[in-house]
Amino acid sequence: MIQMRKRISILAICLVAIFYGSTHAEIKPEADLDNFRGMKWGTDFSTLPKDEFKEEKSPIPEEKVFSKENENLDVLGVSASFIRYRFYDNRFIGAVVKFNFNRKDELKDSLTEFLGKPDKVDEEGSPPILKITWKGNNMWVNERINFKHEYILLIIHSTVEMEKRIKKKRDTVKEKVKKGL
């Protein structure tokens, strides 16, 4: 049974890789949004209505993660399990959307139709996690299909906000090196 499941997973990965191809592509210009669900990248959390948000546990200590109360979980016509909004330095940097594994074909079709052909398809781990990436000027989208635990995460980030975060970390390291720490 496990052997059969591995073979099916590997076959699925090969088919996805063939379907997506390996040539360079970008997010369709009309899909390269400066916001997620109407919230602009970089929005300061203090400007948002607090009663709409509930803080969730963040897997990344320097980030705060929130869900919205009574939010419609339909994303690109596919029902999600949850949506989490990510903030760094109180600025909106991205979102994580979780889908049930049984939605993978429907989600793949919706993502390809909306975003276009992905930039990159990677596989890591055993059993494999398939990572499919779309990059744009305003945002990048990473779909992670976890075959072992049977779920899909859609990770959406602001390109500009993530570049600011990386620059801040780099500057902090440079400052520590200067001080001899």
N, C-alpha and C. Protein backbone atom coordinates (compact mmCIF):
# COMPACT_ATOMS: atom_id res chain seq x y z
N MET A 1 0.82 -1.20 0.00
CA MET A 1 0.00 0.00 0.00
C MET A 1 0.87 1.27 0.00
N ILE A 2 1.89 1.27 0.87
CA ILE A 2 2.78 2.43 0.94
C ILE A 2 3.56 2.58 -0.35
N GLN A 3 4.04 1.43 -0.89
CA GLN A 3 4.79 1.44 -2.14
C GLN A 3 3.94 2.00 -3.28
N MET A 4 2.68 1.59 -3.31
CA MET A 4 1.75 2.06 -4.35
C MET A 4 1.53 3.56 -4.22
N ARG A 5 1.40 4.02 -3.00
CA ARG A 5 1.18 5.45 -2.75
C ARG A 5 2.38 6.26 -3.21
N LYS A 6 3.60 5.75 -2.94
CA LYS A 6 4.81 6.44 -3.38
C LYS A 6 4.86 6.53 -4.90
N ARG A 7 4.52 5.43 -5.56
CA ARG A 7 4.52 5.42 -7.03
C ARG A 7 3.53 6.43 -7.59
N ILE A 8 2.36 6.50 -6.99
CA ILE A 8 1.35 7.46 -7.44
C ILE A 8 1.84 8.89 -7.21
N SER A 9 2.47 9.14 -6.06
CA SER A 9 3.00 10.47 -5.76
C SER A 9 4.07 10.87 -6.77
N ILE A 10 4.98 9.95 -7.05
CA ILE A 10 6.05 10.25 -8.01
C ILE A 10 5.49 10.49 -9.40
N LEU A 11 4.52 9.69 -9.79
CA LEU A 11 3.86 9.87 -11.08
C LEU A 11 3.17 11.24 -11.14
N ALA A 12 2.50 11.62 -10.06
CA ALA A 12 1.82 12.92 -10.01
C ALA A 12 2.83 14.06 -10.15
N ILE A 13 3.97 13.94 -9.48
CA ILE A 13 5.01 14.97 -9.56
C ILE A 13 5.53 15.08 -10.99
N CYS A 14 5.79 13.95 -11.62
CA CYS A 14 6.27 13.97 -13.01
C CYS A 14 5.25 14.62 -13.93
N LEU A 15 4.00 14.28 -13.75
CA LEU A 15 2.95 14.86 -14.60
C LEU A 15 2.84 16.37 -14.40
N VAL A 16 2.92 16.81 -13.14
CA VAL A 16 2.86 18.25 -12.88
C VAL A 16 4.05 18.94 -13.51
N ALA A 17 5.24 18.37 -13.36
CA ALA A 17 6.44 18.98 -13.95
C ALA A 17 6.33 19.06 -15.47
N ILE A 18 5.82 18.00 -16.10
CA ILE A 18 5.63 18.02 -17.55
C ILE A 18 4.58 19.07 -17.93
N PHE A 19 3.48 19.11 -17.17
CA PHE A 19 2.40 20.06 -17.46
C PHE A 19 2.91 21.49 -17.38
N TYR A 20 3.65 21.81 -16.33
CA TYR A 20 4.12 23.17 -16.14
C TYR A 20 5.32 23.52 -17.00
N GLY A 21 6.12 22.53 -17.38
CA GLY A 21 7.29 22.78 -18.20
C GLY A 21 8.40 23.43 -17.40
N SER A 22 9.48 23.73 -18.09
CA SER A 22 10.62 24.29 -17.38
C SER A 22 11.07 25.63 -17.95
N THR A 23 10.30 26.22 -18.83
CA THR A 23 10.68 27.50 -19.39
C THR A 23 10.31 28.62 -18.44
N HIS A 24 10.99 29.77 -18.58
CA HIS A 24 10.73 30.92 -17.71
C HIS A 24 9.34 31.51 -17.99
N ALA A 25 8.68 31.87 -16.94
CA ALA A 25 7.37 32.50 -17.04
C ALA A 25 7.22 33.49 -15.90
N GLU A 26 6.24 34.35 -15.98
CA GLU A 26 5.95 35.31 -14.92
C GLU A 26 4.47 35.31 -14.64
N ILE A 27 4.14 35.85 -13.47
CA ILE A 27 2.73 36.06 -13.16
C ILE A 27 2.15 36.96 -14.25
N LYS A 28 0.95 36.65 -14.68
CA LYS A 28 0.27 37.52 -15.64
C LYS A 28 0.22 38.93 -15.06
N PRO A 29 0.48 39.96 -15.88
CA PRO A 29 0.48 41.34 -15.36
C PRO A 29 -0.80 41.71 -14.60
N GLU A 30 -1.95 41.26 -15.09
CA GLU A 30 -3.21 41.60 -14.42
C GLU A 30 -3.39 40.85 -13.10
N ALA A 31 -2.58 39.81 -12.87
CA ALA A 31 -2.67 39.05 -11.62
C ALA A 31 -1.61 39.48 -10.61
N ASP A 32 -0.64 40.32 -11.04
CA ASP A 32 0.45 40.78 -10.16
C ASP A 32 -0.07 41.94 -9.31
N LEU A 33 -0.84 41.59 -8.30
CA LEU A 33 -1.59 42.58 -7.53
C LEU A 33 -0.74 43.28 -6.47
N ASP A 34 -1.16 44.49 -6.10
CA ASP A 34 -0.50 45.22 -5.03
C ASP A 34 -1.22 45.02 -3.69
N ASN A 35 -2.06 43.97 -3.64
CA ASN A 35 -2.82 43.69 -2.43
C ASN A 35 -3.23 42.22 -2.40
N PHE A 36 -3.73 41.81 -1.24
CA PHE A 36 -4.34 40.49 -1.12
C PHE A 36 -5.70 40.71 -0.47
N ARG A 37 -6.74 40.33 -1.19
CA ARG A 37 -8.12 40.46 -0.71
C ARG A 37 -8.43 41.90 -0.26
N GLY A 38 -7.89 42.85 -1.01
CA GLY A 38 -8.18 44.26 -0.75
C GLY A 38 -7.25 44.92 0.25
N MET A 39 -6.40 44.16 0.93
CA MET A 39 -5.45 44.74 1.89
C MET A 39 -4.13 44.98 1.16
N LYS A 40 -3.73 46.24 1.06
CA LYS A 40 -2.50 46.61 0.34
C LYS A 40 -1.27 46.07 1.07
N TRP A 41 -0.29 45.65 0.26
CA TRP A 41 0.98 45.24 0.84
C TRP A 41 1.56 46.40 1.62
N GLY A 42 2.09 46.15 2.79
CA GLY A 42 2.70 47.19 3.61
C GLY A 42 1.72 47.91 4.52
N THR A 43 0.44 47.58 4.47
CA THR A 43 -0.54 48.23 5.35
C THR A 43 -0.12 48.05 6.80
N ASP A 44 -0.16 49.15 7.56
CA ASP A 44 0.18 49.11 8.98
C ASP A 44 -0.98 48.50 9.75
N PHE A 45 -0.68 47.52 10.59
CA PHE A 45 -1.73 46.82 11.33
C PHE A 45 -2.55 47.77 12.20
N SER A 46 -1.91 48.84 12.70
CA SER A 46 -2.62 49.76 13.59
C SER A 46 -3.75 50.51 12.88
N THR A 47 -3.76 50.50 11.54
CA THR A 47 -4.81 51.19 10.79
C THR A 47 -6.02 50.29 10.51
N LEU A 48 -5.92 49.02 10.88
CA LEU A 48 -6.99 48.06 10.59
C LEU A 48 -7.95 47.93 11.77
N PRO A 49 -9.22 47.61 11.49
CA PRO A 49 -10.18 47.43 12.58
C PRO A 49 -9.84 46.18 13.41
N LYS A 50 -9.45 46.38 14.66
CA LYS A 50 -8.98 45.29 15.54
C LYS A 50 -10.03 44.21 15.77
N ASP A 51 -11.30 44.61 15.79
CA ASP A 51 -12.35 43.63 16.09
C ASP A 51 -12.56 42.62 14.95
N GLU A 52 -11.97 42.85 13.78
CA GLU A 52 -12.09 41.91 12.66
C GLU A 52 -11.01 40.83 12.69
N PHE A 53 -9.95 41.04 13.48
CA PHE A 53 -8.79 40.15 13.45
C PHE A 53 -8.61 39.40 14.76
N LYS A 54 -8.16 38.16 14.63
CA LYS A 54 -7.85 37.33 15.80
C LYS A 54 -6.41 36.87 15.65
N GLU A 55 -5.58 37.10 16.67
CA GLU A 55 -4.18 36.69 16.58
C GLU A 55 -4.07 35.17 16.69
N GLU A 56 -3.21 34.62 15.83
CA GLU A 56 -2.96 33.18 15.80
C GLU A 56 -1.49 32.95 16.16
N LYS A 57 -1.15 31.72 16.46
CA LYS A 57 0.24 31.37 16.77
C LYS A 57 1.07 31.48 15.49
N SER A 58 2.19 32.17 15.59
CA SER A 58 3.07 32.35 14.44
C SER A 58 4.23 31.35 14.50
N PRO A 59 4.50 30.65 13.39
CA PRO A 59 5.65 29.75 13.36
C PRO A 59 6.98 30.51 13.26
N ILE A 60 6.91 31.80 12.95
CA ILE A 60 8.11 32.64 12.82
C ILE A 60 8.05 33.69 13.92
N PRO A 61 8.96 33.62 14.90
CA PRO A 61 8.88 34.49 16.09
C PRO A 61 8.78 35.99 15.81
N GLU A 62 9.45 36.49 14.78
CA GLU A 62 9.42 37.94 14.53
C GLU A 62 8.19 38.40 13.75
N GLU A 63 7.31 37.49 13.44
CA GLU A 63 6.08 37.83 12.72
C GLU A 63 4.86 37.68 13.62
N LYS A 64 3.83 38.45 13.29
CA LYS A 64 2.52 38.27 13.91
C LYS A 64 1.59 37.75 12.83
N VAL A 65 0.74 36.82 13.22
CA VAL A 65 -0.17 36.19 12.27
C VAL A 65 -1.59 36.34 12.78
N PHE A 66 -2.51 36.69 11.87
CA PHE A 66 -3.90 36.91 12.23
C PHE A 66 -4.83 36.21 11.26
N SER A 67 -6.00 35.87 11.75
CA SER A 67 -7.09 35.42 10.89
C SER A 67 -8.18 36.47 11.01
N LYS A 68 -9.09 36.48 10.04
CA LYS A 68 -10.23 37.40 10.09
C LYS A 68 -11.45 36.63 10.58
N GLU A 69 -12.20 37.25 11.45
CA GLU A 69 -13.43 36.64 11.96
C GLU A 69 -14.45 36.53 10.82
N ASN A 70 -15.11 35.40 10.72
CA ASN A 70 -16.20 35.16 9.75
C ASN A 70 -15.82 35.47 8.31
N GLU A 71 -14.60 35.15 7.92
CA GLU A 71 -14.13 35.44 6.57
C GLU A 71 -14.62 34.39 5.58
N ASN A 72 -14.97 34.85 4.38
CA ASN A 72 -15.30 33.95 3.28
C ASN A 72 -13.99 33.27 2.86
N LEU A 73 -13.94 31.95 2.93
CA LEU A 73 -12.71 31.21 2.65
C LEU A 73 -12.58 30.77 1.20
N ASP A 74 -13.36 31.35 0.31
CA ASP A 74 -13.28 31.04 -1.11
C ASP A 74 -12.11 31.82 -1.71
N VAL A 75 -11.13 31.11 -2.30
CA VAL A 75 -9.98 31.74 -2.92
C VAL A 75 -9.89 31.22 -4.36
N LEU A 76 -10.05 32.10 -5.32
CA LEU A 76 -10.04 31.75 -6.74
C LEU A 76 -11.05 30.65 -7.06
N GLY A 77 -12.18 30.69 -6.37
CA GLY A 77 -13.24 29.72 -6.62
C GLY A 77 -13.04 28.38 -5.93
N VAL A 78 -12.02 28.27 -5.08
CA VAL A 78 -11.74 27.03 -4.36
C VAL A 78 -11.85 27.30 -2.86
N SER A 79 -12.58 26.44 -2.16
CA SER A 79 -12.79 26.61 -0.73
C SER A 79 -11.53 26.23 0.05
N ALA A 80 -11.06 27.15 0.89
CA ALA A 80 -9.86 26.93 1.70
C ALA A 80 -10.24 26.49 3.11
N SER A 81 -9.27 25.90 3.82
CA SER A 81 -9.47 25.52 5.22
C SER A 81 -9.27 26.71 6.13
N PHE A 82 -8.25 27.54 5.80
CA PHE A 82 -8.03 28.77 6.56
C PHE A 82 -7.19 29.75 5.75
N ILE A 83 -7.23 31.02 6.18
CA ILE A 83 -6.40 32.08 5.62
C ILE A 83 -5.74 32.79 6.80
N ARG A 84 -4.44 32.97 6.73
CA ARG A 84 -3.69 33.68 7.77
C ARG A 84 -2.98 34.87 7.14
N TYR A 85 -3.07 36.02 7.80
CA TYR A 85 -2.43 37.26 7.34
C TYR A 85 -1.16 37.47 8.15
N ARG A 86 -0.04 37.71 7.46
CA ARG A 86 1.26 37.82 8.11
C ARG A 86 1.73 39.27 8.17
N PHE A 87 2.24 39.67 9.35
CA PHE A 87 2.73 41.02 9.56
C PHE A 87 4.14 40.97 10.14
N TYR A 88 4.99 41.83 9.63
CA TYR A 88 6.35 41.97 10.14
C TYR A 88 6.57 43.46 10.38
N ASP A 89 7.05 43.83 11.56
CA ASP A 89 7.16 45.25 11.94
C ASP A 89 5.82 45.96 11.75
N ASN A 90 4.74 45.27 12.07
CA ASN A 90 3.36 45.77 11.95
C ASN A 90 2.93 46.06 10.52
N ARG A 91 3.68 45.62 9.52
CA ARG A 91 3.33 45.85 8.12
C ARG A 91 2.89 44.53 7.49
N PHE A 92 1.84 44.60 6.66
CA PHE A 92 1.31 43.42 5.99
C PHE A 92 2.28 42.95 4.92
N ILE A 93 2.81 41.73 5.10
CA ILE A 93 3.81 41.21 4.16
C ILE A 93 3.32 40.03 3.34
N GLY A 94 2.24 39.37 3.79
CA GLY A 94 1.79 38.21 3.02
C GLY A 94 0.67 37.44 3.69
N ALA A 95 0.32 36.34 3.06
CA ALA A 95 -0.77 35.49 3.56
C ALA A 95 -0.42 34.03 3.31
N VAL A 96 -1.01 33.17 4.14
CA VAL A 96 -0.89 31.73 3.97
C VAL A 96 -2.31 31.18 3.91
N VAL A 97 -2.57 30.39 2.88
CA VAL A 97 -3.90 29.82 2.69
C VAL A 97 -3.72 28.30 2.65
N LYS A 98 -4.50 27.59 3.46
CA LYS A 98 -4.42 26.13 3.50
C LYS A 98 -5.64 25.53 2.82
N PHE A 99 -5.39 24.51 2.00
CA PHE A 99 -6.44 23.79 1.29
C PHE A 99 -6.36 22.31 1.61
N ASN A 100 -7.49 21.64 1.57
CA ASN A 100 -7.51 20.19 1.69
C ASN A 100 -6.89 19.58 0.44
N PHE A 101 -6.24 18.46 0.61
CA PHE A 101 -5.54 17.78 -0.47
C PHE A 101 -6.47 17.43 -1.64
N ASN A 102 -7.71 17.10 -1.32
CA ASN A 102 -8.65 16.70 -2.37
C ASN A 102 -9.03 17.85 -3.30
N ARG A 103 -8.56 19.07 -3.02
CA ARG A 103 -8.82 20.24 -3.87
C ARG A 103 -7.66 20.52 -4.83
N LYS A 104 -6.64 19.64 -4.88
CA LYS A 104 -5.42 19.96 -5.62
C LYS A 104 -5.63 20.19 -7.11
N ASP A 105 -6.45 19.39 -7.76
CA ASP A 105 -6.67 19.56 -9.20
C ASP A 105 -7.43 20.85 -9.49
N GLU A 106 -8.46 21.10 -8.71
CA GLU A 106 -9.26 22.32 -8.85
C GLU A 106 -8.39 23.55 -8.60
N LEU A 107 -7.54 23.49 -7.56
CA LEU A 107 -6.66 24.61 -7.22
C LEU A 107 -5.62 24.82 -8.32
N LYS A 108 -5.03 23.74 -8.82
CA LYS A 108 -4.03 23.85 -9.89
C LYS A 108 -4.62 24.57 -11.11
N ASP A 109 -5.83 24.17 -11.49
CA ASP A 109 -6.49 24.79 -12.63
C ASP A 109 -6.75 26.28 -12.39
N SER A 110 -7.23 26.61 -11.19
CA SER A 110 -7.54 28.01 -10.86
C SER A 110 -6.28 28.86 -10.82
N LEU A 111 -5.21 28.33 -10.22
CA LEU A 111 -3.96 29.08 -10.14
C LEU A 111 -3.37 29.32 -11.52
N THR A 112 -3.35 28.29 -12.35
CA THR A 112 -2.80 28.43 -13.70
C THR A 112 -3.62 29.40 -14.53
N GLU A 113 -4.93 29.34 -14.40
CA GLU A 113 -5.79 30.26 -15.15
C GLU A 113 -5.58 31.71 -14.69
N PHE A 114 -5.46 31.92 -13.38
CA PHE A 114 -5.33 33.28 -12.84
C PHE A 114 -3.91 33.82 -12.98
N LEU A 115 -2.90 33.01 -12.61
CA LEU A 115 -1.52 33.50 -12.55
C LEU A 115 -0.72 33.25 -13.83
N GLY A 116 -1.11 32.25 -14.59
CA GLY A 116 -0.34 31.88 -15.77
C GLY A 116 0.58 30.72 -15.45
N LYS A 117 1.54 30.50 -16.33
CA LYS A 117 2.49 29.40 -16.17
C LYS A 117 3.47 29.74 -15.04
N PRO A 118 3.76 28.78 -14.14
CA PRO A 118 4.68 29.08 -13.03
C PRO A 118 6.13 29.25 -13.50
N ASP A 119 6.92 29.93 -12.65
CA ASP A 119 8.34 30.13 -12.92
C ASP A 119 9.15 28.87 -12.64
N LYS A 120 8.73 28.13 -11.61
CA LYS A 120 9.59 27.06 -11.12
C LYS A 120 8.76 25.96 -10.48
N VAL A 121 9.19 24.71 -10.67
CA VAL A 121 8.59 23.56 -10.01
C VAL A 121 9.72 22.78 -9.36
N ASP A 122 9.67 22.62 -8.03
CA ASP A 122 10.70 21.90 -7.27
C ASP A 122 10.08 20.79 -6.47
N GLU A 123 10.91 19.83 -6.12
CA GLU A 123 10.49 18.74 -5.24
C GLU A 123 11.53 18.63 -4.14
N GLU A 124 11.07 18.44 -2.89
CA GLU A 124 12.02 18.24 -1.80
C GLU A 124 11.46 17.22 -0.81
N GLY A 125 12.36 16.55 -0.12
CA GLY A 125 11.97 15.63 0.94
C GLY A 125 11.51 14.28 0.45
N SER A 126 11.23 13.43 1.44
CA SER A 126 10.72 12.11 1.14
C SER A 126 9.75 11.73 2.25
N PRO A 127 8.50 11.46 2.00
CA PRO A 127 7.86 11.62 0.71
C PRO A 127 7.93 13.09 0.26
N PRO A 128 7.83 13.29 -1.02
CA PRO A 128 8.09 14.63 -1.56
C PRO A 128 7.05 15.69 -1.22
N ILE A 129 7.55 16.92 -1.13
CA ILE A 129 6.69 18.10 -1.09
C ILE A 129 6.95 18.82 -2.40
N LEU A 130 5.92 19.04 -3.17
CA LEU A 130 6.05 19.70 -4.46
C LEU A 130 5.88 21.20 -4.25
N LYS A 131 6.84 22.01 -4.72
CA LYS A 131 6.77 23.46 -4.58
C LYS A 131 6.68 24.08 -5.97
N ILE A 132 5.63 24.84 -6.19
CA ILE A 132 5.39 25.49 -7.47
C ILE A 132 5.39 26.99 -7.22
N THR A 133 6.18 27.75 -7.98
CA THR A 133 6.36 29.17 -7.70
C THR A 133 6.03 30.04 -8.91
N TRP A 134 5.32 31.15 -8.62
CA TRP A 134 5.05 32.20 -9.59
C TRP A 134 5.66 33.48 -9.03
N LYS A 135 6.40 34.24 -9.85
CA LYS A 135 7.00 35.49 -9.37
C LYS A 135 6.52 36.65 -10.22
N GLY A 136 6.24 37.76 -9.54
CA GLY A 136 5.84 38.98 -10.21
C GLY A 136 6.58 40.16 -9.61
N ASN A 137 6.31 41.36 -10.10
CA ASN A 137 6.95 42.56 -9.55
C ASN A 137 6.38 42.93 -8.19
N ASN A 138 5.07 42.72 -7.99
CA ASN A 138 4.42 43.09 -6.74
C ASN A 138 4.32 41.95 -5.74
N MET A 139 4.24 40.73 -6.23
CA MET A 139 4.06 39.60 -5.32
C MET A 139 4.64 38.34 -5.93
N TRP A 140 4.87 37.36 -5.06
CA TRP A 140 5.19 36.03 -5.54
C TRP A 140 4.32 35.04 -4.78
N VAL A 141 4.02 33.94 -5.46
CA VAL A 141 3.11 32.93 -4.93
C VAL A 141 3.83 31.59 -4.96
N ASN A 142 3.74 30.87 -3.85
CA ASN A 142 4.37 29.57 -3.74
C ASN A 142 3.31 28.57 -3.29
N GLU A 143 3.07 27.56 -4.10
CA GLU A 143 2.13 26.50 -3.75
C GLU A 143 2.96 25.31 -3.29
N ARG A 144 2.66 24.81 -2.08
CA ARG A 144 3.37 23.64 -1.54
C ARG A 144 2.39 22.51 -1.34
N ILE A 145 2.61 21.44 -2.07
CA ILE A 145 1.73 20.27 -1.98
C ILE A 145 2.44 19.23 -1.13
N ASN A 146 1.87 18.94 0.05
CA ASN A 146 2.46 17.98 0.97
C ASN A 146 1.75 16.64 0.80
N PHE A 147 2.43 15.69 0.17
CA PHE A 147 1.83 14.39 -0.11
C PHE A 147 1.72 13.53 1.15
N LYS A 148 2.66 13.69 2.07
CA LYS A 148 2.66 12.87 3.28
C LYS A 148 1.46 13.21 4.17
N HIS A 149 1.26 14.50 4.43
CA HIS A 149 0.19 14.93 5.33
C HIS A 149 -1.07 15.36 4.59
N GLU A 150 -1.01 15.29 3.27
CA GLU A 150 -2.15 15.54 2.39
C GLU A 150 -2.83 16.89 2.62
N TYR A 151 -2.06 17.95 2.43
CA TYR A 151 -2.62 19.29 2.43
C TYR A 151 -1.82 20.15 1.46
N ILE A 152 -2.38 21.31 1.15
CA ILE A 152 -1.73 22.25 0.23
C ILE A 152 -1.68 23.61 0.91
N LEU A 153 -0.51 24.24 0.90
CA LEU A 153 -0.38 25.61 1.39
C LEU A 153 -0.10 26.52 0.20
N LEU A 154 -0.78 27.62 0.17
CA LEU A 154 -0.54 28.67 -0.81
C LEU A 154 0.07 29.83 -0.02
N ILE A 155 1.32 30.15 -0.31
CA ILE A 155 2.03 31.21 0.42
C ILE A 155 2.19 32.38 -0.53
N ILE A 156 1.63 33.52 -0.15
CA ILE A 156 1.62 34.71 -1.00
C ILE A 156 2.37 35.81 -0.27
N HIS A 157 3.37 36.41 -0.93
CA HIS A 157 4.19 37.44 -0.31
C HIS A 157 4.25 38.69 -1.18
N SER A 158 4.41 39.83 -0.53
CA SER A 158 4.73 41.06 -1.22
C SER A 158 6.22 41.05 -1.55
N THR A 159 6.56 41.22 -2.80
CA THR A 159 7.96 41.25 -3.20
C THR A 159 8.69 42.40 -2.51
N VAL A 160 8.11 43.58 -2.52
CA VAL A 160 8.74 44.77 -1.94
C VAL A 160 8.90 44.63 -0.43
N GLU A 161 7.85 44.18 0.26
CA GLU A 161 7.92 44.06 1.72
C GLU A 161 8.93 43.00 2.14
N MET A 162 9.04 41.92 1.39
CA MET A 162 10.03 40.89 1.72
C MET A 162 11.45 41.41 1.46
N GLU A 163 11.63 42.21 0.41
CA GLU A 163 12.95 42.80 0.15
C GLU A 163 13.33 43.74 1.29
N LYS A 164 12.38 44.52 1.81
CA LYS A 164 12.65 45.41 2.95
C LYS A 164 13.06 44.60 4.17
N ARG A 165 12.38 43.49 4.39
CA ARG A 165 12.69 42.63 5.54
C ARG A 165 14.09 42.06 5.43
N ILE A 166 14.46 41.58 4.24
CA ILE A 166 15.79 41.02 4.02
C ILE A 166 16.86 42.10 4.22
N LYS A 167 16.61 43.31 3.69
CA LYS A 167 17.55 44.41 3.85
C LYS A 167 17.74 44.75 5.33
N LYS A 168 16.66 44.78 6.09
CA LYS A 168 16.74 45.10 7.51
C LYS A 168 17.57 44.04 8.25
N LYS A 169 17.38 42.77 7.92
CA LYS A 169 18.16 41.70 8.55
C LYS A 169 19.63 41.84 8.19
N ARG A 170 19.91 42.13 6.91
CA ARG A 170 21.29 42.32 6.46
C ARG A 170 21.95 43.48 7.21
N ASP A 171 21.23 44.59 7.32
CA ASP A 171 21.76 45.76 8.02
C ASP A 171 22.02 45.45 9.49
N THR A 172 21.16 44.67 10.11
CA THR A 172 21.33 44.29 11.51
C THR A 172 22.59 43.45 11.69
N VAL A 173 22.81 42.51 10.78
CA VAL A 173 24.01 41.67 10.84
C VAL A 173 25.26 42.53 10.65
N LYS A 174 25.24 43.44 9.67
CA LYS A 174 26.38 44.33 9.43
C LYS A 174 26.69 45.15 10.67
N GLU A 175 25.66 45.66 11.32
CA GLU A 175 25.81 46.47 12.53
C GLU A 175 26.45 45.64 13.65
N LYS A 176 26.02 44.40 13.82
CA LYS A 176 26.59 43.52 14.85
C LYS A 176 28.06 43.22 14.56
N VAL A 177 28.37 43.02 13.27
CA VAL A 177 29.76 42.74 12.90
C VAL A 177 30.63 43.95 13.20
N LYS A 178 30.14 45.16 12.91
CA LYS A 178 30.88 46.38 13.19
C LYS A 178 31.17 46.53 14.68
N LYS A 179 30.19 46.14 15.51
CA LYS A 179 30.33 46.27 16.97
C LYS A 179 31.14 45.12 17.55
N GLY A 180 31.44 44.12 16.72
CA GLY A 180 32.22 43.00 17.18
C GLY A 180 31.43 41.96 17.96
N LEU A 181 30.11 41.91 17.74
CA LEU A 181 29.30 40.93 18.47
C LEU A 181 29.23 39.64 17.76
